């Protein structure tokens, strides 16, 4: 089963924000974030997929998620391109 690491972006009147996560089903996870049943920090915003990577197993995906959460410069560059 494939795993995905993803970065979401959102812009609204209160600013811009990114969210990094991992999942087995990218489309379903984005839908959950946008309908308010995803992570608590993503509720009340409209999210777009900025970036995704595919991995064969969960371990490497979770490791990459950890690194992307700490790479603010990369996430900012993705938001600026939005």
PDB file of N, CA and C in Angstrom:
ATOM      1  N   UNK A   1       0.846  -1.182   0.000  1.00  0.00           N
ATOM      2  CA  UNK A   1       0.000   0.000   0.000  1.00  0.00           C
ATOM      3  C   UNK A   1       0.892   1.246   0.000  1.00  0.00           C
ATOM      4  N   UNK A   2       0.592   2.184  -0.858  1.00  0.00           N
ATOM      5  CA  UNK A   2       1.364   3.419  -0.956  1.00  0.00           C
ATOM      6  C   UNK A   2       1.007   4.385   0.163  1.00  0.00           C
ATOM      7  N   UNK A   3       1.995   5.153   0.558  1.00  0.00           N
ATOM      8  CA  UNK A   3       1.802   6.225   1.535  1.00  0.00           C
ATOM      9  C   UNK A   3       2.248   7.531   0.885  1.00  0.00           C
ATOM     10  N   UNK A   4       1.601   8.598   1.282  1.00  0.00           N
ATOM     11  CA  UNK A   4       1.910   9.906   0.723  1.00  0.00           C
ATOM     12  C   UNK A   4       2.220  10.891   1.833  1.00  0.00           C
ATOM     13  N   UNK A   5       3.212  11.728   1.587  1.00  0.00           N
ATOM     14  CA  UNK A   5       3.498  12.876   2.440  1.00  0.00           C
ATOM     15  C   UNK A   5       3.020  14.075   1.645  1.00  0.00           C
ATOM     16  N   UNK A   6       2.325  14.986   2.303  1.00  0.00           N
ATOM     17  CA  UNK A   6       1.741  16.099   1.565  1.00  0.00           C
ATOM     18  C   UNK A   6       1.882  17.408   2.334  1.00  0.00           C
ATOM     19  N   UNK A   7       1.830  18.491   1.568  1.00  0.00           N
ATOM     20  CA  UNK A   7       1.815  19.831   2.147  1.00  0.00           C
ATOM     21  C   UNK A   7       0.594  20.543   1.583  1.00  0.00           C
ATOM     22  N   UNK A   8      -0.223  21.057   2.488  1.00  0.00           N
ATOM     23  CA  UNK A   8      -1.398  21.831   2.115  1.00  0.00           C
ATOM     24  C   UNK A   8      -1.126  23.300   2.369  1.00  0.00           C
ATOM     25  N   UNK A   9      -1.781  24.162   1.617  1.00  0.00           N
ATOM     26  CA  UNK A   9      -1.656  25.594   1.810  1.00  0.00           C
ATOM     27  C   UNK A   9      -3.015  26.248   1.884  1.00  0.00           C
ATOM     28  N   UNK A  10      -3.089  27.328   2.663  1.00  0.00           N
ATOM     29  CA  UNK A  10      -4.335  28.073   2.798  1.00  0.00           C
ATOM     30  C   UNK A  10      -4.012  29.552   2.974  1.00  0.00           C
ATOM     31  N   UNK A  11      -4.800  30.376   2.296  1.00  0.00           N
ATOM     32  CA  UNK A  11      -4.690  31.832   2.451  1.00  0.00           C
ATOM     33  C   UNK A  11      -6.076  32.376   2.702  1.00  0.00           C
ATOM     34  N   UNK A  12      -6.196  33.256   3.681  1.00  0.00           N
ATOM     35  CA  UNK A  12      -7.470  33.935   3.928  1.00  0.00           C
ATOM     36  C   UNK A  12      -7.174  35.286   4.561  1.00  0.00           C
ATOM     37  N   UNK A  13      -8.198  35.949   5.047  1.00  0.00           N
ATOM     38  CA  UNK A  13      -8.030  37.282   5.621  1.00  0.00           C
ATOM     39  C   UNK A  13      -7.101  37.335   6.819  1.00  0.00           C
ATOM     40  N   UNK A  14      -6.948  36.211   7.519  1.00  0.00           N
ATOM     41  CA  UNK A  14      -6.101  36.205   8.709  1.00  0.00           C
ATOM     42  C   UNK A  14      -4.683  35.735   8.409  1.00  0.00           C
ATOM     43  N   UNK A  15      -4.339  35.567   7.145  1.00  0.00           N
ATOM     44  CA  UNK A  15      -2.969  35.206   6.795  1.00  0.00           C
ATOM     45  C   UNK A  15      -2.876  33.936   5.993  1.00  0.00           C
ATOM     46  N   UNK A  16      -1.677  33.406   5.947  1.00  0.00           N
ATOM     47  CA  UNK A  16      -1.420  32.186   5.191  1.00  0.00           C
ATOM     48  C   UNK A  16      -0.842  31.124   6.113  1.00  0.00           C
ATOM     49  N   UNK A  17      -1.073  29.874   5.746  1.00  0.00           N
ATOM     50  CA  UNK A  17      -0.668  28.771   6.610  1.00  0.00           C
ATOM     51  C   UNK A  17      -0.392  27.537   5.765  1.00  0.00           C
ATOM     52  N   UNK A  18       0.513  26.683   6.256  1.00  0.00           N
ATOM     53  CA  UNK A  18       0.748  25.387   5.631  1.00  0.00           C
ATOM     54  C   UNK A  18       0.475  24.296   6.657  1.00  0.00           C
ATOM     55  N   UNK A  19       0.222  23.100   6.142  1.00  0.00           N
ATOM     56  CA  UNK A  19       0.019  21.928   6.990  1.00  0.00           C
ATOM     57  C   UNK A  19       0.726  20.758   6.323  1.00  0.00           C
ATOM     58  N   UNK A  20       1.490  20.006   7.097  1.00  0.00           N
ATOM     59  CA  UNK A  20       2.212  18.845   6.580  1.00  0.00           C
ATOM     60  C   UNK A  20       1.650  17.591   7.242  1.00  0.00           C
ATOM     61  N   UNK A  21       1.401  16.552   6.445  1.00  0.00           N
ATOM     62  CA  UNK A  21       0.891  15.304   6.993  1.00  0.00           C
ATOM     63  C   UNK A  21       1.226  14.134   6.094  1.00  0.00           C
ATOM     64  N   UNK A  22       0.798  12.938   6.500  1.00  0.00           N
ATOM     65  CA  UNK A  22       0.965  11.753   5.668  1.00  0.00           C
ATOM     66  C   UNK A  22      -0.342  10.963   5.686  1.00  0.00           C
ATOM     67  N   UNK A  23      -0.567  10.187   4.629  1.00  0.00           N
ATOM     68  CA  UNK A  23      -1.807   9.444   4.488  1.00  0.00           C
ATOM     69  C   UNK A  23      -1.637   8.294   3.498  1.00  0.00           C
ATOM     70  N   UNK A  24      -2.626   7.399   3.492  1.00  0.00           N
ATOM     71  CA  UNK A  24      -2.670   6.335   2.493  1.00  0.00           C
ATOM     72  C   UNK A  24      -3.536   6.728   1.303  1.00  0.00           C
ATOM     73  N   UNK A  25      -4.447   7.679   1.496  1.00  0.00           N
ATOM     74  CA  UNK A  25      -5.385   8.107   0.452  1.00  0.00           C
ATOM     75  C   UNK A  25      -5.397   9.634   0.395  1.00  0.00           C
ATOM     76  N   UNK A  26      -4.662  10.180  -0.533  1.00  0.00           N
ATOM     77  CA  UNK A  26      -4.453  11.626  -0.616  1.00  0.00           C
ATOM     78  C   UNK A  26      -5.741  12.401  -0.879  1.00  0.00           C
ATOM     79  N   UNK A  27      -6.555  11.943  -1.801  1.00  0.00           N
ATOM     80  CA  UNK A  27      -7.796  12.665  -2.133  1.00  0.00           C
ATOM     81  C   UNK A  27      -8.777  12.669  -0.971  1.00  0.00           C
ATOM     82  N   UNK A  28      -8.921  11.531  -0.310  1.00  0.00           N
ATOM     83  CA  UNK A  28      -9.840  11.444   0.827  1.00  0.00           C
ATOM     84  C   UNK A  28      -9.352  12.315   1.988  1.00  0.00           C
ATOM     85  N   UNK A  29      -8.048  12.356   2.187  1.00  0.00           N
ATOM     86  CA  UNK A  29      -7.502  13.156   3.290  1.00  0.00           C
ATOM     87  C   UNK A  29      -7.705  14.646   3.035  1.00  0.00           C
ATOM     88  N   UNK A  30      -7.501  15.102   1.821  1.00  0.00           N
ATOM     89  CA  UNK A  30      -7.734  16.510   1.494  1.00  0.00           C
ATOM     90  C   UNK A  30      -9.201  16.863   1.709  1.00  0.00           C
ATOM     91  N   UNK A  31     -10.091  15.968   1.310  1.00  0.00           N
ATOM     92  CA  UNK A  31     -11.523  16.200   1.513  1.00  0.00           C
ATOM     93  C   UNK A  31     -11.848  16.314   3.002  1.00  0.00           C
ATOM     94  N   UNK A  32     -11.234  15.483   3.837  1.00  0.00           N
ATOM     95  CA  UNK A  32     -11.465  15.560   5.288  1.00  0.00           C
ATOM     96  C   UNK A  32     -11.004  16.907   5.850  1.00  0.00           C
ATOM     97  N   UNK A  33      -9.838  17.360   5.408  1.00  0.00           N
ATOM     98  CA  UNK A  33      -9.344  18.663   5.885  1.00  0.00           C
ATOM     99  C   UNK A  33     -10.303  19.777   5.488  1.00  0.00           C
ATOM    100  N   UNK A  34     -10.834  19.718   4.288  1.00  0.00           N
ATOM    101  CA  UNK A  34     -11.696  20.794   3.801  1.00  0.00           C
ATOM    102  C   UNK A  34     -13.117  20.744   4.350  1.00  0.00           C
ATOM    103  N   UNK A  35     -13.580  19.577   4.819  1.00  0.00           N
ATOM    104  CA  UNK A  35     -14.935  19.540   5.379  1.00  0.00           C
ATOM    105  C   UNK A  35     -14.949  19.607   6.908  1.00  0.00           C
ATOM    106  N   UNK A  36     -13.792  19.836   7.504  1.00  0.00           N
ATOM    107  CA  UNK A  36     -13.734  20.067   8.953  1.00  0.00           C
ATOM    108  C   UNK A  36     -13.567  18.833   9.805  1.00  0.00           C
ATOM    109  N   UNK A  37     -13.325  17.671   9.206  1.00  0.00           N
ATOM    110  CA  UNK A  37     -13.147  16.462   9.997  1.00  0.00           C
ATOM    111  C   UNK A  37     -11.694  15.988  10.013  1.00  0.00           C
ATOM    112  N   UNK A  38     -10.789  16.801   9.488  1.00  0.00           N
ATOM    113  CA  UNK A  38      -9.364  16.460   9.503  1.00  0.00           C
ATOM    114  C   UNK A  38      -8.741  16.895  10.810  1.00  0.00           C
ATOM    115  N   UNK A  39      -7.482  17.190  10.778  1.00  0.00           N
ATOM    116  CA  UNK A  39      -6.760  17.639  11.974  1.00  0.00           C
ATOM    117  C   UNK A  39      -7.386  18.916  12.524  1.00  0.00           C
ATOM    118  N   UNK A  40      -7.354  19.051  13.813  1.00  0.00           N
ATOM    119  CA  UNK A  40      -7.982  20.208  14.472  1.00  0.00           C
ATOM    120  C   UNK A  40      -7.425  21.542  13.969  1.00  0.00           C
ATOM    121  N   UNK A  41      -6.127  21.581  13.718  1.00  0.00           N
ATOM    122  CA  UNK A  41      -5.502  22.832  13.281  1.00  0.00           C
ATOM    123  C   UNK A  41      -5.890  23.236  11.862  1.00  0.00           C
ATOM    124  N   UNK A  42      -6.550  22.357  11.119  1.00  0.00           N
ATOM    125  CA  UNK A  42      -6.923  22.692   9.739  1.00  0.00           C
ATOM    126  C   UNK A  42      -8.378  23.099   9.596  1.00  0.00           C
ATOM    127  N   UNK A  43      -9.136  23.044  10.653  1.00  0.00           N
ATOM    128  CA  UNK A  43     -10.572  23.334  10.566  1.00  0.00           C
ATOM    129  C   UNK A  43     -10.839  24.811  10.306  1.00  0.00           C
ATOM    130  N   UNK A  44     -11.886  25.080   9.520  1.00  0.00           N
ATOM    131  CA  UNK A  44     -12.297  26.453   9.256  1.00  0.00           C
ATOM    132  C   UNK A  44     -11.541  27.138   8.140  1.00  0.00           C
ATOM    133  N   UNK A  45     -10.741  26.411   7.398  1.00  0.00           N
ATOM    134  CA  UNK A  45      -9.980  26.971   6.283  1.00  0.00           C
ATOM    135  C   UNK A  45     -10.232  26.131   5.035  1.00  0.00           C
ATOM    136  N   UNK A  46      -9.969  26.721   3.894  1.00  0.00           N
ATOM    137  CA  UNK A  46     -10.010  25.994   2.638  1.00  0.00           C
ATOM    138  C   UNK A  46      -8.575  25.693   2.237  1.00  0.00           C
ATOM    139  N   UNK A  47      -8.285  24.433   2.022  1.00  0.00           N
ATOM    140  CA  UNK A  47      -6.925  23.987   1.752  1.00  0.00           C
ATOM    141  C   UNK A  47      -6.766  23.532   0.309  1.00  0.00           C
ATOM    142  N   UNK A  48      -5.574  23.770  -0.241  1.00  0.00           N
ATOM    143  CA  UNK A  48      -5.209  23.258  -1.562  1.00  0.00           C
ATOM    144  C   UNK A  48      -3.922  22.453  -1.413  1.00  0.00           C
ATOM    145  N   UNK A  49      -3.800  21.424  -2.215  1.00  0.00           N
ATOM    146  CA  UNK A  49      -2.605  20.595  -2.201  1.00  0.00           C
ATOM    147  C   UNK A  49      -1.477  21.342  -2.902  1.00  0.00           C
ATOM    148  N   UNK A  50      -0.387  21.570  -2.182  1.00  0.00           N
ATOM    149  CA  UNK A  50       0.765  22.277  -2.741  1.00  0.00           C
ATOM    150  C   UNK A  50       1.841  21.314  -3.215  1.00  0.00           C
ATOM    151  N   UNK A  51       1.957  20.175  -2.525  1.00  0.00           N
ATOM    152  CA  UNK A  51       3.091  19.289  -2.780  1.00  0.00           C
ATOM    153  C   UNK A  51       2.775  17.906  -2.235  1.00  0.00           C
ATOM    154  N   UNK A  52       3.242  16.856  -2.912  1.00  0.00           N
ATOM    155  CA  UNK A  52       3.057  15.487  -2.425  1.00  0.00           C
ATOM    156  C   UNK A  52       4.207  14.607  -2.908  1.00  0.00           C
ATOM    157  N   UNK A  53       4.569  13.645  -2.078  1.00  0.00           N
ATOM    158  CA  UNK A  53       5.569  12.637  -2.416  1.00  0.00           C
ATOM    159  C   UNK A  53       4.975  11.267  -2.105  1.00  0.00           C
ATOM    160  N   UNK A  54       5.310  10.252  -2.887  1.00  0.00           N
ATOM    161  CA  UNK A  54       4.784   8.903  -2.698  1.00  0.00           C
ATOM    162  C   UNK A  54       5.884   7.989  -2.162  1.00  0.00           C
ATOM    163  N   UNK A  55       5.531   7.152  -1.190  1.00  0.00           N
ATOM    164  CA  UNK A  55       6.444   6.177  -0.606  1.00  0.00           C
ATOM    165  C   UNK A  55       5.768   4.814  -0.579  1.00  0.00           C
ATOM    166  N   UNK A  56       6.566   3.762  -0.589  1.00  0.00           N
ATOM    167  CA  UNK A  56       6.022   2.411  -0.597  1.00  0.00           C
ATOM    168  C   UNK A  56       5.555   1.954   0.781  1.00  0.00           C
ATOM    169  N   UNK A  57       6.188   2.476   1.829  1.00  0.00           N
ATOM    170  CA  UNK A  57       5.829   2.073   3.190  1.00  0.00           C
ATOM    171  C   UNK A  57       5.682   3.292   4.100  1.00  0.00           C
ATOM    172  N   UNK A  58       5.114   3.059   5.260  1.00  0.00           N
ATOM    173  CA  UNK A  58       4.804   4.130   6.205  1.00  0.00           C
ATOM    174  C   UNK A  58       6.061   4.750   6.833  1.00  0.00           C
ATOM    175  N   UNK A  59       7.049   3.962   7.135  1.00  0.00           N
ATOM    176  CA  UNK A  59       8.251   4.455   7.823  1.00  0.00           C
ATOM    177  C   UNK A  59       8.933   5.619   7.123  1.00  0.00           C
ATOM    178  N   UNK A  60       9.317   5.452   5.861  1.00  0.00           N
ATOM    179  CA  UNK A  60       9.955   6.570   5.152  1.00  0.00           C
ATOM    180  C   UNK A  60       9.036   7.781   5.007  1.00  0.00           C
ATOM    181  N   UNK A  61       7.736   7.533   4.841  1.00  0.00           N
ATOM    182  CA  UNK A  61       6.783   8.642   4.717  1.00  0.00           C
ATOM    183  C   UNK A  61       6.742   9.457   6.006  1.00  0.00           C
ATOM    184  N   UNK A  62       6.704   8.783   7.141  1.00  0.00           N
ATOM    185  CA  UNK A  62       6.665   9.480   8.420  1.00  0.00           C
ATOM    186  C   UNK A  62       7.965  10.234   8.686  1.00  0.00           C
ATOM    187  N   UNK A  63       9.087   9.653   8.280  1.00  0.00           N
ATOM    188  CA  UNK A  63      10.376  10.321   8.436  1.00  0.00           C
ATOM    189  C   UNK A  63      10.432  11.593   7.592  1.00  0.00           C
ATOM    190  N   UNK A  64       9.973  11.492   6.353  1.00  0.00           N
ATOM    191  CA  UNK A  64       9.969  12.664   5.469  1.00  0.00           C
ATOM    192  C   UNK A  64       9.028  13.737   5.988  1.00  0.00           C
ATOM    193  N   UNK A  65       7.875  13.322   6.540  1.00  0.00           N
ATOM    194  CA  UNK A  65       6.945  14.284   7.129  1.00  0.00           C
ATOM    195  C   UNK A  65       7.644  15.074   8.232  1.00  0.00           C
ATOM    196  N   UNK A  66       8.382  14.393   9.079  1.00  0.00           N
ATOM    197  CA  UNK A  66       9.105  15.038  10.183  1.00  0.00           C
ATOM    198  C   UNK A  66      10.058  16.103   9.637  1.00  0.00           C
ATOM    199  N   UNK A  67      10.786  15.763   8.566  1.00  0.00           N
ATOM    200  CA  UNK A  67      11.738  16.717   7.990  1.00  0.00           C
ATOM    201  C   UNK A  67      11.037  17.903   7.328  1.00  0.00           C
ATOM    202  N   UNK A  68       9.939  17.629   6.621  1.00  0.00           N
ATOM    203  CA  UNK A  68       9.222  18.730   5.962  1.00  0.00           C
ATOM    204  C   UNK A  68       8.600  19.694   6.968  1.00  0.00           C
ATOM    205  N   UNK A  69       8.168  19.191   8.109  1.00  0.00           N
ATOM    206  CA  UNK A  69       7.598  20.069   9.134  1.00  0.00           C
ATOM    207  C   UNK A  69       8.624  21.072   9.646  1.00  0.00           C
ATOM    208  N   UNK A  70       9.889  20.722   9.566  1.00  0.00           N
ATOM    209  CA  UNK A  70      10.939  21.603  10.057  1.00  0.00           C
ATOM    210  C   UNK A  70      11.545  22.484   8.963  1.00  0.00           C
ATOM    211  N   UNK A  71      11.173  22.258   7.724  1.00  0.00           N
ATOM    212  CA  UNK A  71      11.716  23.023   6.599  1.00  0.00           C
ATOM    213  C   UNK A  71      10.784  24.178   6.247  1.00  0.00           C
ATOM    214  N   UNK A  72      10.791  25.198   7.050  1.00  0.00           N
ATOM    215  CA  UNK A  72       9.899  26.345   6.850  1.00  0.00           C
ATOM    216  C   UNK A  72      10.202  27.105   5.567  1.00  0.00           C
ATOM    217  N   UNK A  73      11.452  27.143   5.178  1.00  0.00           N
ATOM    218  CA  UNK A  73      11.835  27.852   3.964  1.00  0.00           C
ATOM    219  C   UNK A  73      11.179  27.208   2.731  1.00  0.00           C
ATOM    220  N   UNK A  74      11.188  25.891   2.669  1.00  0.00           N
ATOM    221  CA  UNK A  74      10.563  25.172   1.556  1.00  0.00           C
ATOM    222  C   UNK A  74       9.057  25.391   1.541  1.00  0.00           C
ATOM    223  N   UNK A  75       8.426  25.300   2.711  1.00  0.00           N
ATOM    224  CA  UNK A  75       6.977  25.504   2.796  1.00  0.00           C
ATOM    225  C   UNK A  75       6.595  26.922   2.415  1.00  0.00           C
ATOM    226  N   UNK A  76       7.398  27.906   2.803  1.00  0.00           N
ATOM    227  CA  UNK A  76       7.132  29.310   2.453  1.00  0.00           C
ATOM    228  C   UNK A  76       7.232  29.496   0.940  1.00  0.00           C
ATOM    229  N   UNK A  77       8.227  28.863   0.320  1.00  0.00           N
ATOM    230  CA  UNK A  77       8.384  28.970  -1.132  1.00  0.00           C
ATOM    231  C   UNK A  77       7.174  28.380  -1.855  1.00  0.00           C
ATOM    232  N   UNK A  78       6.642  27.283  -1.340  1.00  0.00           N
ATOM    233  CA  UNK A  78       5.432  26.703  -1.939  1.00  0.00           C
ATOM    234  C   UNK A  78       4.239  27.641  -1.810  1.00  0.00           C
ATOM    235  N   UNK A  79       4.101  28.273  -0.649  1.00  0.00           N
ATOM    236  CA  UNK A  79       2.992  29.213  -0.437  1.00  0.00           C
ATOM    237  C   UNK A  79       3.111  30.425  -1.346  1.00  0.00           C
ATOM    238  N   UNK A  80       4.322  30.912  -1.519  1.00  0.00           N
ATOM    239  CA  UNK A  80       4.534  32.082  -2.381  1.00  0.00           C
ATOM    240  C   UNK A  80       4.162  31.777  -3.835  1.00  0.00           C
ATOM    241  N   UNK A  81       4.281  30.522  -4.239  1.00  0.00           N
ATOM    242  CA  UNK A  81       3.940  30.128  -5.608  1.00  0.00           C
ATOM    243  C   UNK A  81       2.420  29.921  -5.759  1.00  0.00           C
ATOM    244  N   UNK A  82       1.696  29.898  -4.660  1.00  0.00           N
ATOM    245  CA  UNK A  82       0.247  29.663  -4.689  1.00  0.00           C
ATOM    246  C   UNK A  82      -0.514  30.797  -5.326  1.00  0.00           C
TER     247      UNK A  82
END
